[in-house]
């Protein structure tokens, strides 16, 4: 299986989960590279900037934004924007839930494989390791 077909399988599974949670996903092609992906709580929508200038994979960013809507507290914020360096409580929670969401779809062979495949920021390695250990047992 090549990487492109695997990516589409991951995206398809995320889309299925979004549908189960009544989340709309919209890919936007005409935003500037500086505009991050975002989710809107009241709209139950995730808006993915295809041009976003980041090394973090589309799949991880999508899982992250979905996590805000699935697991987040909609009373804290109405709009969330993706930040690979976001350490606020809500952002950290979304990062951790994105890791868990992706690993529940396809458990990697090891932590490094997951980190490299999804281009997860290195500061999240301990969270990836913790989730990997939990789901591997």
Protein backbone atom coordinates (compact mmCIF):
# COMPACT_ATOMS: atom_id res chain seq x y z
CA UNK A 1 0.00 0.00 0.00
CA UNK A 2 1.44 3.37 -0.92
CA UNK A 3 1.38 6.39 1.37
CA UNK A 4 -1.26 8.25 -0.68
CA UNK A 5 -3.80 5.44 -0.40
CA UNK A 6 -3.07 5.06 3.32
CA UNK A 7 -3.57 8.80 3.85
CA UNK A 8 -6.91 8.68 2.08
CA UNK A 9 -7.96 5.75 4.29
CA UNK A 10 -7.11 7.78 7.41
CA UNK A 11 -8.97 10.82 6.07
CA UNK A 12 -11.95 8.65 5.13
CA UNK A 13 -12.08 7.23 8.66
CA UNK A 14 -11.84 10.72 10.18
CA UNK A 15 -14.66 11.84 7.88
CA UNK A 16 -16.80 8.90 9.04
CA UNK A 17 -16.17 9.82 12.66
CA UNK A 18 -16.96 13.46 11.92
CA UNK A 19 -20.27 12.40 10.38
CA UNK A 20 -21.11 10.36 13.49
CA UNK A 21 -20.57 13.51 15.58
CA UNK A 22 -22.46 15.78 13.14
CA UNK A 23 -19.28 17.66 12.27
CA UNK A 24 -18.94 19.25 8.85
CA UNK A 25 -15.48 19.34 7.26
CA UNK A 26 -14.70 21.89 4.58
CA UNK A 27 -11.39 22.11 2.71
CA UNK A 28 -10.66 25.71 1.77
CA UNK A 29 -8.34 26.39 -1.15
CA UNK A 30 -8.18 30.19 -1.28
CA UNK A 31 -6.80 31.20 2.12
CA UNK A 32 -3.31 32.56 2.64
CA UNK A 33 -0.57 30.21 3.92
CA UNK A 34 -0.52 32.15 7.21
CA UNK A 35 -4.18 31.35 7.98
CA UNK A 36 -4.45 28.28 10.22
CA UNK A 37 -7.14 25.61 10.13
CA UNK A 38 -10.00 26.35 12.50
CA UNK A 39 -13.10 24.86 14.05
CA UNK A 40 -16.30 26.69 14.93
CA UNK A 41 -18.18 25.26 17.89
CA UNK A 42 -21.65 26.66 17.16
CA UNK A 43 -21.42 25.59 13.50
CA UNK A 44 -19.95 22.16 14.38
CA UNK A 45 -17.59 22.78 11.50
CA UNK A 46 -13.93 22.18 10.78
CA UNK A 47 -12.34 24.40 8.14
CA UNK A 48 -9.07 23.10 6.72
CA UNK A 49 -6.76 25.54 4.91
CA UNK A 50 -5.16 23.47 2.16
CA UNK A 51 -2.52 26.20 1.76
CA UNK A 52 -1.59 26.38 5.46
CA UNK A 53 2.19 26.67 5.80
CA UNK A 54 3.03 24.02 8.39
CA UNK A 55 4.93 20.75 8.46
CA UNK A 56 2.23 19.08 10.55
CA UNK A 57 0.21 16.67 8.41
CA UNK A 58 -3.30 17.36 7.20
CA UNK A 59 -4.52 14.24 9.04
CA UNK A 60 -3.13 15.33 12.40
CA UNK A 61 -4.50 18.86 11.97
CA UNK A 62 -7.92 17.48 11.02
CA UNK A 63 -7.97 15.13 14.00
CA UNK A 64 -6.89 18.05 16.22
CA UNK A 65 -9.71 20.34 15.03
CA UNK A 66 -12.26 17.53 15.29
CA UNK A 67 -11.06 16.90 18.85
CA UNK A 68 -12.04 20.43 19.83
CA UNK A 69 -15.61 19.67 18.78
CA UNK A 70 -15.83 16.10 20.04
CA UNK A 71 -14.02 16.40 23.38
CA UNK A 72 -13.75 20.12 24.04
CA UNK A 73 -15.81 22.41 26.19
CA UNK A 74 -17.82 24.56 23.79
CA UNK A 75 -18.39 27.08 26.56
CA UNK A 76 -14.70 28.05 26.77
CA UNK A 77 -14.20 29.25 23.22
CA UNK A 78 -16.37 29.62 20.14
CA UNK A 79 -13.60 29.34 17.55
CA UNK A 80 -10.37 27.37 17.77
CA UNK A 81 -7.40 27.88 15.45
CA UNK A 82 -4.68 25.31 14.93
CA UNK A 83 -1.28 25.97 16.46
CA UNK A 84 1.40 23.31 16.51
CA UNK A 85 2.97 25.14 19.46
CA UNK A 86 -0.26 25.73 21.41
CA UNK A 87 0.24 24.82 25.06
CA UNK A 88 -3.01 26.28 26.42
CA UNK A 89 -5.16 23.71 28.18
CA UNK A 90 -7.65 23.45 25.29
CA UNK A 91 -4.91 23.15 22.66
CA UNK A 92 -2.96 20.57 24.61
CA UNK A 93 -6.13 18.55 25.11
CA UNK A 94 -6.88 18.71 21.37
CA UNK A 95 -3.31 17.59 20.55
CA UNK A 96 -3.60 14.64 22.93
CA UNK A 97 -7.02 13.65 21.65
CA UNK A 98 -5.81 13.92 18.04
CA UNK A 99 -3.01 11.48 18.88
CA UNK A 100 -5.50 9.08 20.46
CA UNK A 101 -7.96 9.46 17.58
CA UNK A 102 -5.32 8.70 14.94
CA UNK A 103 -3.86 5.78 16.90
CA UNK A 104 -7.34 4.32 17.36
CA UNK A 105 -7.71 4.28 13.57
CA UNK A 106 -4.30 2.73 12.89
CA UNK A 107 -1.91 1.82 15.70
CA UNK A 108 1.65 2.55 14.56
CA UNK A 109 4.49 0.09 14.92
CA UNK A 110 6.32 2.50 17.23
CA UNK A 111 6.36 6.09 18.52
CA UNK A 112 8.91 7.35 16.00
CA UNK A 113 6.90 6.02 13.08
CA UNK A 114 3.85 7.95 14.28
CA UNK A 115 5.83 11.14 14.93
CA UNK A 116 7.46 11.06 11.50
CA UNK A 117 4.40 9.99 9.56
CA UNK A 118 2.13 12.74 10.86
CA UNK A 119 4.92 15.28 11.43
CA UNK A 120 3.85 15.68 15.05
CA UNK A 121 5.77 18.45 16.84
CA UNK A 122 8.64 16.94 18.84
CA UNK A 123 7.47 18.47 22.12
CA UNK A 124 4.47 16.08 22.00
CA UNK A 125 6.63 12.95 21.94
CA UNK A 126 5.89 12.04 25.58
CA UNK A 127 2.16 12.28 24.87
CA UNK A 128 2.55 10.08 21.79
CA UNK A 129 4.56 7.56 23.82
CA UNK A 130 2.00 7.51 26.65
CA UNK A 131 -0.91 6.95 24.26
CA UNK A 132 1.03 4.31 22.31
CA UNK A 133 1.73 2.36 25.50
CA UNK A 134 -1.90 2.61 26.63
CA UNK A 135 -3.31 1.43 23.30
CA UNK A 136 -0.68 -1.29 22.75
CA UNK A 137 -1.64 -3.14 25.92
